[in-house]
Amino acid sequence: MKLNKLNLMGVASSGNMNWGSRYSIAAVIIAELYSVPIIHRFELSGTSKDVEVFKQEVLKLVSTEVDSTQQ
């Protein structure tokens, strides 16, 4: 992570809701450490809907990045 942190724009994480407050905790930790947004958290392997949500959130991040570099 330290070597590539400048390329990190957001984080997504899977988890198991049986873990309670520790559900998808990696996303929370990484987001806080590197000051990036959590773009999606999903249960286990996720669903087709999770894939679509993830894609949309990535597109938002990429378009925001492109907009900020063009200014």
C-alpha atoms as a PDB file:
ATOM      1  CA  MET A   1       0.000   0.000   0.000  1.00  0.00           C
ATOM      2  CA  LYS A   2       2.757   2.448   0.836  1.00  0.00           C
ATOM      3  CA  LEU A   3       4.290   2.121  -2.625  1.00  0.00           C
ATOM      4  CA  ASN A   4       1.021   2.729  -4.469  1.00  0.00           C
ATOM      5  CA  LYS A   5      -0.878   5.048  -2.140  1.00  0.00           C
ATOM      6  CA  LEU A   6      -0.689   7.922  -4.615  1.00  0.00           C
ATOM      7  CA  ASN A   7      -2.760   5.846  -7.056  1.00  0.00           C
ATOM      8  CA  LEU A   8      -5.406   4.904  -4.484  1.00  0.00           C
ATOM      9  CA  MET A   9      -8.697   6.670  -5.208  1.00  0.00           C
ATOM     10  CA  GLY A  10     -11.137   4.607  -3.151  1.00  0.00           C
ATOM     11  CA  VAL A  11     -11.633   1.264  -1.477  1.00  0.00           C
ATOM     12  CA  ALA A  12     -14.163  -1.556  -1.712  1.00  0.00           C
ATOM     13  CA  SER A  13     -14.352  -4.492   0.646  1.00  0.00           C
ATOM     14  CA  SER A  14     -16.236  -7.707   1.165  1.00  0.00           C
ATOM     15  CA  GLY A  15     -17.229  -9.131   4.485  1.00  0.00           C
ATOM     16  CA  ASN A  16     -19.610 -11.334   6.355  1.00  0.00           C
ATOM     17  CA  MET A  17     -22.387  -9.661   8.320  1.00  0.00           C
ATOM     18  CA  ASN A  18     -21.970 -12.362  10.949  1.00  0.00           C
ATOM     19  CA  TRP A  19     -18.857 -10.436  12.016  1.00  0.00           C
ATOM     20  CA  GLY A  20     -21.086  -7.673  13.362  1.00  0.00           C
ATOM     21  CA  SER A  21     -19.186  -4.411  13.892  1.00  0.00           C
ATOM     22  CA  ARG A  22     -16.156  -5.921  12.179  1.00  0.00           C
ATOM     23  CA  TYR A  23     -18.096  -6.390   8.922  1.00  0.00           C
ATOM     24  CA  SER A  24     -15.902  -5.157   6.077  1.00  0.00           C
ATOM     25  CA  ILE A  25     -13.565  -3.489   8.563  1.00  0.00           C
ATOM     26  CA  ALA A  26     -10.646  -3.483   6.111  1.00  0.00           C
ATOM     27  CA  ALA A  27     -12.413  -0.831   4.031  1.00  0.00           C
ATOM     28  CA  VAL A  28     -12.872   1.375   7.082  1.00  0.00           C
ATOM     29  CA  ILE A  29      -9.232   1.049   8.136  1.00  0.00           C
ATOM     30  CA  ILE A  30      -7.832   1.663   4.655  1.00  0.00           C
ATOM     31  CA  ALA A  31     -10.172   4.598   4.018  1.00  0.00           C
ATOM     32  CA  GLU A  32      -9.089   6.247   7.265  1.00  0.00           C
ATOM     33  CA  LEU A  33      -5.368   5.562   6.810  1.00  0.00           C
ATOM     34  CA  TYR A  34      -5.239   6.862   3.255  1.00  0.00           C
ATOM     35  CA  SER A  35      -8.051   9.445   3.313  1.00  0.00           C
ATOM     36  CA  VAL A  36     -10.015   7.845   0.494  1.00  0.00           C
ATOM     37  CA  PRO A  37     -13.732   7.100   0.246  1.00  0.00           C
ATOM     38  CA  ILE A  38     -15.306   3.701   0.735  1.00  0.00           C
ATOM     39  CA  ILE A  39     -16.926   3.134  -2.618  1.00  0.00           C
ATOM     40  CA  HIS A  40     -18.720  -0.104  -1.746  1.00  0.00           C
ATOM     41  CA  ARG A  41     -19.020  -2.755   0.933  1.00  0.00           C
ATOM     42  CA  PHE A  42     -20.599  -6.064   0.054  1.00  0.00           C
ATOM     43  CA  GLU A  43     -21.529  -9.367   1.658  1.00  0.00           C
ATOM     44  CA  LEU A  44     -19.296 -12.354   0.896  1.00  0.00           C
ATOM     45  CA  SER A  45     -18.850 -12.660  -2.886  1.00  0.00           C
ATOM     46  CA  GLY A  46     -21.451 -10.016  -3.625  1.00  0.00           C
ATOM     47  CA  THR A  47     -24.315 -10.064  -6.076  1.00  0.00           C
ATOM     48  CA  SER A  48     -24.892  -8.828  -9.601  1.00  0.00           C
ATOM     49  CA  LYS A  49     -26.292  -5.658  -8.073  1.00  0.00           C
ATOM     50  CA  ASP A  50     -23.083  -5.203  -6.067  1.00  0.00           C
ATOM     51  CA  VAL A  51     -21.074  -5.442  -9.277  1.00  0.00           C
ATOM     52  CA  GLU A  52     -23.208  -2.726 -10.872  1.00  0.00           C
ATOM     53  CA  VAL A  53     -22.957  -0.465  -7.821  1.00  0.00           C
ATOM     54  CA  PHE A  54     -19.189  -0.944  -7.764  1.00  0.00           C
ATOM     55  CA  LYS A  55     -18.868  -0.104 -11.457  1.00  0.00           C
ATOM     56  CA  GLN A  56     -20.949   3.045 -11.060  1.00  0.00           C
ATOM     57  CA  GLU A  57     -18.909   4.216  -8.066  1.00  0.00           C
ATOM     58  CA  VAL A  58     -15.639   3.625  -9.923  1.00  0.00           C
ATOM     59  CA  LEU A  59     -16.958   5.619 -12.883  1.00  0.00           C
ATOM     60  CA  LYS A  60     -17.837   8.477 -10.528  1.00  0.00           C
ATOM     61  CA  LEU A  61     -14.324   8.458  -9.062  1.00  0.00           C
ATOM     62  CA  VAL A  62     -12.682   8.346 -12.466  1.00  0.00           C
ATOM     63  CA  SER A  63     -14.846  11.134 -13.890  1.00  0.00           C
ATOM     64  CA  THR A  64     -14.177  13.286 -10.814  1.00  0.00           C
ATOM     65  CA  GLU A  65     -10.442  12.697 -11.215  1.00  0.00           C
ATOM     66  CA  VAL A  66     -10.554  13.583 -14.914  1.00  0.00           C
ATOM     67  CA  ASP A  67     -12.555  16.750 -14.180  1.00  0.00           C
ATOM     68  CA  SER A  68     -10.081  17.885 -11.503  1.00  0.00           C
ATOM     69  CA  THR A  69      -7.061  17.348 -13.769  1.00  0.00           C
ATOM     70  CA  GLN A  70      -8.627  19.388 -16.587  1.00  0.00           C
ATOM     71  CA  GLN A  71      -9.073  22.490 -14.443  1.00  0.00           C
END
